[in-house]
Protein backbone atom coordinates (compact mmCIF):
# COMPACT_ATOMS: atom_id res chain seq x y z
CA UNK A 1 54.71 21.02 -27.85
CA UNK A 2 56.31 20.44 -31.25
CA UNK A 3 59.51 22.07 -32.46
CA UNK A 4 57.35 23.98 -34.93
CA UNK A 5 59.08 25.09 -38.11
CA UNK A 6 62.64 24.52 -36.87
CA UNK A 7 63.97 21.07 -35.98
CA UNK A 8 67.74 21.03 -36.24
CA UNK A 9 67.94 17.26 -36.03
CA UNK A 10 65.80 16.90 -39.17
CA UNK A 11 67.54 19.48 -41.36
CA UNK A 12 69.07 18.15 -44.55
CA UNK A 13 72.22 20.28 -44.08
CA UNK A 14 73.02 20.41 -40.33
CA UNK A 15 76.72 21.14 -40.80
CA UNK A 16 75.97 24.17 -42.99
CA UNK A 17 73.25 25.32 -40.63
CA UNK A 18 75.55 25.12 -37.60
CA UNK A 19 78.19 27.14 -39.43
CA UNK A 20 75.50 29.62 -40.52
CA UNK A 21 74.50 30.14 -36.89
CA UNK A 22 78.12 30.63 -35.81
CA UNK A 23 78.85 33.06 -38.63
CA UNK A 24 75.67 35.01 -37.99
CA UNK A 25 76.41 35.35 -34.27
CA UNK A 26 80.00 36.49 -34.83
CA UNK A 27 79.15 38.95 -37.60
CA UNK A 28 76.67 40.90 -35.49
CA UNK A 29 78.17 40.31 -32.03
CA UNK A 30 78.98 43.96 -31.33
CA UNK A 31 75.59 45.07 -32.66
CA UNK A 32 73.85 42.44 -30.55
CA UNK A 33 75.78 43.46 -27.44
CA UNK A 34 74.45 46.98 -27.91
CA UNK A 35 70.90 45.66 -28.31
CA UNK A 36 71.17 43.63 -25.11
CA UNK A 37 72.64 46.49 -23.08
CA UNK A 38 69.91 48.83 -24.31
CA UNK A 39 67.32 46.21 -23.39
CA UNK A 40 68.55 46.23 -19.78
CA UNK A 41 70.92 43.31 -19.25
CA UNK A 42 73.33 43.82 -16.34
CA UNK A 43 76.38 41.95 -15.11
CA UNK A 44 74.67 40.53 -12.01
CA UNK A 45 71.51 39.33 -13.71
CA UNK A 46 70.10 35.83 -13.72
CA UNK A 47 69.52 35.41 -17.45
CA UNK A 48 67.29 33.03 -19.42
CA UNK A 49 67.95 32.37 -23.11
CA UNK A 50 65.15 30.71 -25.04
CA UNK A 51 66.21 28.54 -27.98
CA UNK A 52 69.95 28.76 -27.37
CA UNK A 53 70.95 26.39 -30.19
CA UNK A 54 74.65 25.44 -29.96
CA UNK A 55 75.43 28.38 -27.68
CA UNK A 56 77.04 30.97 -29.94
CA UNK A 57 74.86 33.77 -28.53
CA UNK A 58 74.98 32.19 -25.07
CA UNK A 59 78.68 33.11 -25.06
CA UNK A 60 77.78 36.78 -25.43
CA UNK A 61 75.07 36.60 -22.76
CA UNK A 62 77.53 34.96 -20.36
CA UNK A 63 79.98 37.79 -21.01
CA UNK A 64 77.39 40.49 -20.37
CA UNK A 65 76.02 38.78 -17.22
CA UNK A 66 79.42 37.68 -15.94
CA UNK A 67 78.50 38.04 -12.26
CA UNK A 68 75.07 36.47 -12.61
CA UNK A 69 73.85 33.14 -14.00
CA UNK A 70 72.72 31.87 -17.40
CA UNK A 71 69.98 29.31 -17.98
CA UNK A 72 69.85 28.18 -21.62
CA UNK A 73 66.76 26.43 -22.94
CA UNK A 74 66.81 24.24 -26.05
CA UNK A 75 64.62 21.26 -27.10
CA UNK A 76 67.39 19.64 -29.18
CA UNK A 77 69.72 17.49 -27.09
CA UNK A 78 72.21 17.57 -29.98
CA UNK A 79 72.49 21.35 -29.83
CA UNK A 80 72.29 21.63 -26.06
CA UNK A 81 75.28 19.32 -25.67
CA UNK A 82 77.43 21.84 -27.59
CA UNK A 83 76.67 24.86 -25.41
CA UNK A 84 79.27 24.28 -22.67
CA UNK A 85 82.10 24.19 -25.22
CA UNK A 86 80.88 27.33 -26.99
CA UNK A 87 80.53 29.45 -23.83
CA UNK A 88 84.13 30.43 -23.25
CA UNK A 89 83.72 32.10 -19.86
CA UNK A 90 80.99 30.77 -17.62
CA UNK A 91 79.15 33.35 -15.50
CA UNK A 92 79.98 33.40 -11.80
CA UNK A 93 76.52 32.10 -10.85
CA UNK A 94 76.74 29.15 -13.24
CA UNK A 95 75.63 27.95 -16.67
CA UNK A 96 72.52 25.78 -16.64
CA UNK A 97 71.52 23.87 -19.82
CA UNK A 98 67.82 22.95 -19.82
CA UNK A 99 66.26 20.62 -22.38
CA UNK A 100 62.68 21.84 -22.68
CA UNK A 101 60.10 23.54 -24.84
CA UNK A 102 59.25 27.16 -24.28
CA UNK A 103 55.63 26.58 -23.30
CA UNK A 104 56.60 24.56 -20.20
CA UNK A 105 59.80 25.91 -18.71
CA UNK A 106 61.18 24.01 -15.68
CA UNK A 107 62.15 27.36 -14.17
CA UNK A 108 60.69 28.73 -10.90
CA UNK A 109 58.35 31.71 -10.80
CA UNK A 110 59.97 35.11 -10.29
CA UNK A 111 63.56 33.84 -10.70
CA UNK A 112 64.86 35.57 -13.84
CA UNK A 113 66.06 39.16 -14.30
CA UNK A 114 66.55 39.18 -18.07
CA UNK A 115 65.16 36.92 -20.82
CA UNK A 116 66.18 36.79 -24.44
CA UNK A 117 64.54 35.14 -27.45
CA UNK A 118 66.45 35.55 -30.70
CA UNK A 119 64.92 34.31 -33.98
CA UNK A 120 62.98 31.72 -31.99
CA UNK A 121 59.36 32.86 -31.76
CA UNK A 122 58.93 32.81 -35.56
CA UNK A 123 59.19 29.01 -35.40
CA UNK A 124 56.76 28.35 -32.54
CA UNK A 125 53.11 27.42 -33.24
CA UNK A 126 51.83 29.29 -30.15
CA UNK A 127 54.29 32.12 -29.46
CA UNK A 128 51.85 33.93 -27.18
CA UNK A 129 51.84 30.96 -24.80
CA UNK A 130 55.64 30.97 -24.70
CA UNK A 131 55.78 34.71 -24.01
CA UNK A 132 53.34 34.23 -21.13
CA UNK A 133 55.57 31.46 -19.76
CA UNK A 134 58.59 33.76 -19.93
CA UNK A 135 56.58 36.39 -18.07
CA UNK A 136 55.86 33.86 -15.29
CA UNK A 137 59.54 33.13 -14.69
CA UNK A 138 60.58 36.77 -14.46
CA UNK A 139 61.09 38.86 -11.36
CA UNK A 140 59.32 42.19 -10.91
CA UNK A 141 61.41 44.78 -12.74
CA UNK A 142 62.85 42.14 -15.07
CA UNK A 143 63.34 42.76 -18.78
CA UNK A 144 62.45 40.64 -21.80
CA UNK A 145 63.94 41.21 -25.25
CA UNK A 146 62.73 39.45 -28.40
CA UNK A 147 64.55 39.82 -31.70
CA UNK A 148 62.87 38.30 -34.71
CA UNK A 149 62.31 38.39 -38.43
CA UNK A 150 59.61 39.88 -40.60
CA UNK A 151 59.83 39.15 -44.32
CA UNK A 152 58.09 42.45 -44.99
CA UNK A 153 61.49 44.01 -44.30
CA UNK A 154 63.40 41.99 -46.91
CA UNK A 155 64.42 43.94 -50.03
CA UNK A 156 66.22 42.73 -53.16
CA UNK A 157 66.57 45.41 -55.82
CA UNK A 158 66.39 44.87 -58.69
CA UNK A 159 63.99 42.05 -57.90
CA UNK A 160 65.48 38.59 -58.37
CA UNK A 161 62.78 36.07 -59.42
CA UNK A 162 64.57 33.14 -57.77
CA UNK A 163 64.66 35.00 -54.46
CA UNK A 164 60.99 35.94 -54.76
CA UNK A 165 60.14 32.27 -55.36
CA UNK A 166 62.32 31.16 -52.46
CA UNK A 167 60.74 33.65 -50.07
CA UNK A 168 57.15 32.82 -51.01
CA UNK A 169 57.71 29.07 -50.90
CA UNK A 170 59.55 29.23 -47.57
CA UNK A 171 56.83 31.43 -46.08
CA UNK A 172 54.20 28.85 -47.03
CA UNK A 173 56.25 25.89 -45.85
CA UNK A 174 57.11 27.51 -42.54
CA UNK A 175 53.45 28.42 -41.96
CA UNK A 176 52.46 24.81 -42.62
CA UNK A 177 54.86 23.74 -39.87
CA UNK A 178 53.43 26.26 -37.42
CA UNK A 179 55.89 29.10 -38.01
CA UNK A 180 55.36 32.71 -39.02
CA UNK A 181 57.74 34.66 -41.26
CA UNK A 182 55.90 37.88 -40.35
CA UNK A 183 55.99 37.59 -36.57
CA UNK A 184 58.14 40.67 -36.00
CA UNK A 185 55.24 43.10 -36.38
CA UNK A 186 53.10 41.02 -33.99
CA UNK A 187 55.45 40.78 -31.02
CA UNK A 188 54.51 44.08 -29.40
CA UNK A 189 50.84 43.16 -29.06
CA UNK A 190 51.74 39.65 -27.88
CA UNK A 191 53.98 40.99 -25.13
CA UNK A 192 51.36 43.49 -23.97
CA UNK A 193 48.76 40.71 -23.88
CA UNK A 194 51.10 38.58 -21.75
CA UNK A 195 51.30 41.38 -19.18
CA UNK A 196 54.54 43.14 -20.03
CA UNK A 197 54.68 46.90 -19.48
CA UNK A 198 56.60 49.65 -21.24
CA UNK A 199 56.72 47.54 -24.41
CA UNK A 200 58.69 49.16 -27.21
CA UNK A 201 59.49 48.11 -30.79
CA UNK A 202 62.22 49.23 -33.13
CA UNK A 203 63.63 47.96 -36.39
CA UNK A 204 67.29 47.31 -37.11
CA UNK A 205 68.05 47.35 -40.84
CA UNK A 206 71.17 45.84 -42.42
CA UNK A 207 72.24 46.20 -46.04
CA UNK A 208 74.76 44.64 -48.39
CA UNK A 209 76.77 47.86 -48.04
CA UNK A 210 77.23 47.21 -44.30
CA UNK A 211 77.64 43.45 -43.93
CA UNK A 212 79.73 41.01 -45.96
CA UNK A 213 77.55 39.52 -48.68
CA UNK A 214 77.90 35.92 -47.49
CA UNK A 215 76.82 36.86 -43.96
CA UNK A 216 73.76 38.82 -45.09
CA UNK A 217 72.83 36.13 -47.62
CA UNK A 218 72.89 33.44 -44.94
CA UNK A 219 70.94 35.58 -42.49
CA UNK A 220 68.19 36.29 -45.02
CA UNK A 221 68.09 33.10 -47.06
CA UNK A 222 70.13 30.37 -45.36
CA UNK A 223 67.36 28.81 -43.28
CA UNK A 224 64.78 29.31 -46.01
CA UNK A 225 67.00 27.45 -48.47
CA UNK A 226 67.19 24.49 -46.08
CA UNK A 227 63.39 24.23 -46.16
CA UNK A 228 63.40 23.92 -49.96
CA UNK A 229 66.17 21.33 -50.18
CA UNK A 230 67.09 20.72 -53.81
CA UNK A 231 64.16 22.71 -55.21
CA UNK A 232 66.51 25.61 -55.89
CA UNK A 233 70.21 25.72 -56.76
CA UNK A 234 71.24 27.83 -53.79
CA UNK A 235 74.95 27.80 -54.68
CA UNK A 236 74.25 29.19 -58.14
CA UNK A 237 71.97 31.84 -56.66
CA UNK A 238 74.68 32.78 -54.16
CA UNK A 239 77.32 33.05 -56.87
CA UNK A 240 75.10 35.12 -59.17
CA UNK A 241 74.01 37.53 -56.47
CA UNK A 242 77.55 37.86 -55.14
CA UNK A 243 78.76 39.13 -58.51
CA UNK A 244 75.89 41.59 -58.76
CA UNK A 245 76.44 42.93 -55.23
CA UNK A 246 80.19 43.27 -55.74
CA UNK A 247 79.53 45.19 -58.94
CA UNK A 248 77.12 47.54 -57.18
CA UNK A 249 74.24 46.41 -59.37
CA UNK A 250 72.27 44.65 -56.62
CA UNK A 251 71.12 46.00 -53.25
CA UNK A 252 70.10 43.59 -50.55
CA UNK A 253 68.52 44.74 -47.31
CA UNK A 254 66.86 43.04 -44.39
CA UNK A 255 65.50 44.10 -41.06
CA UNK A 256 64.66 42.64 -37.69
CA UNK A 257 62.22 43.74 -35.03
CA UNK A 258 63.65 44.36 -31.56
CA UNK A 259 60.87 44.34 -29.00
CA UNK A 260 61.44 44.92 -25.29
CA UNK A 261 59.22 44.89 -22.24
CA UNK A 262 59.32 44.90 -18.46
CA UNK A 263 57.52 42.95 -15.76
CA UNK A 264 56.12 45.50 -13.37
């Protein structure tokens, strides 16, 4: 399997992207903890995180499953090597880094209580296959939570032509690499097809009135900007939008789909 539309080792700005991931995780940590608790994570669970990156969210999962175990899956050896340092308190049952792709997990059948995929499935050429593989690894009664993007939820008002160009170009480029900027709306049907029961979807919306501008900007446009490289002056766009948002003249909003299901 390929890394699809996200290959950290090939990004033209890996330092910025790593900082973007850290900032994003910290900014929404309390919100994300609420999402995970609502999705069913418990302190004694054996947890699987798909696409853990450098481990910023792994730290939260380890905290919430402190009496269980945490298996973190990531194809990039560069990122996987950083996880141990970024998980401050290892769960009692152990932290297990696994270098693998999501369509072929070296994880036994019926061994996981809770699985989490956060902004991962949008990058994968065959997300349905990966969801089926997650289903295989889960115990009866286990819970799966997927959080992902859908560009149909992105709002800039008044419209900013540079943002519109960036979004459209990034959508095309990501699709060419096997990704899908509109996967959020599709996750429910994918999870039902894989066999999950009691599948539910909800949307979490965030606006420039709720999050610091730099955090929201990087969540909505940071990765997309890395796809375009020098095709757009991202610093100038950031500075211009920052002034407009601070002056109350620009509203920025974005949403994510939160989709949960159970293995019966």
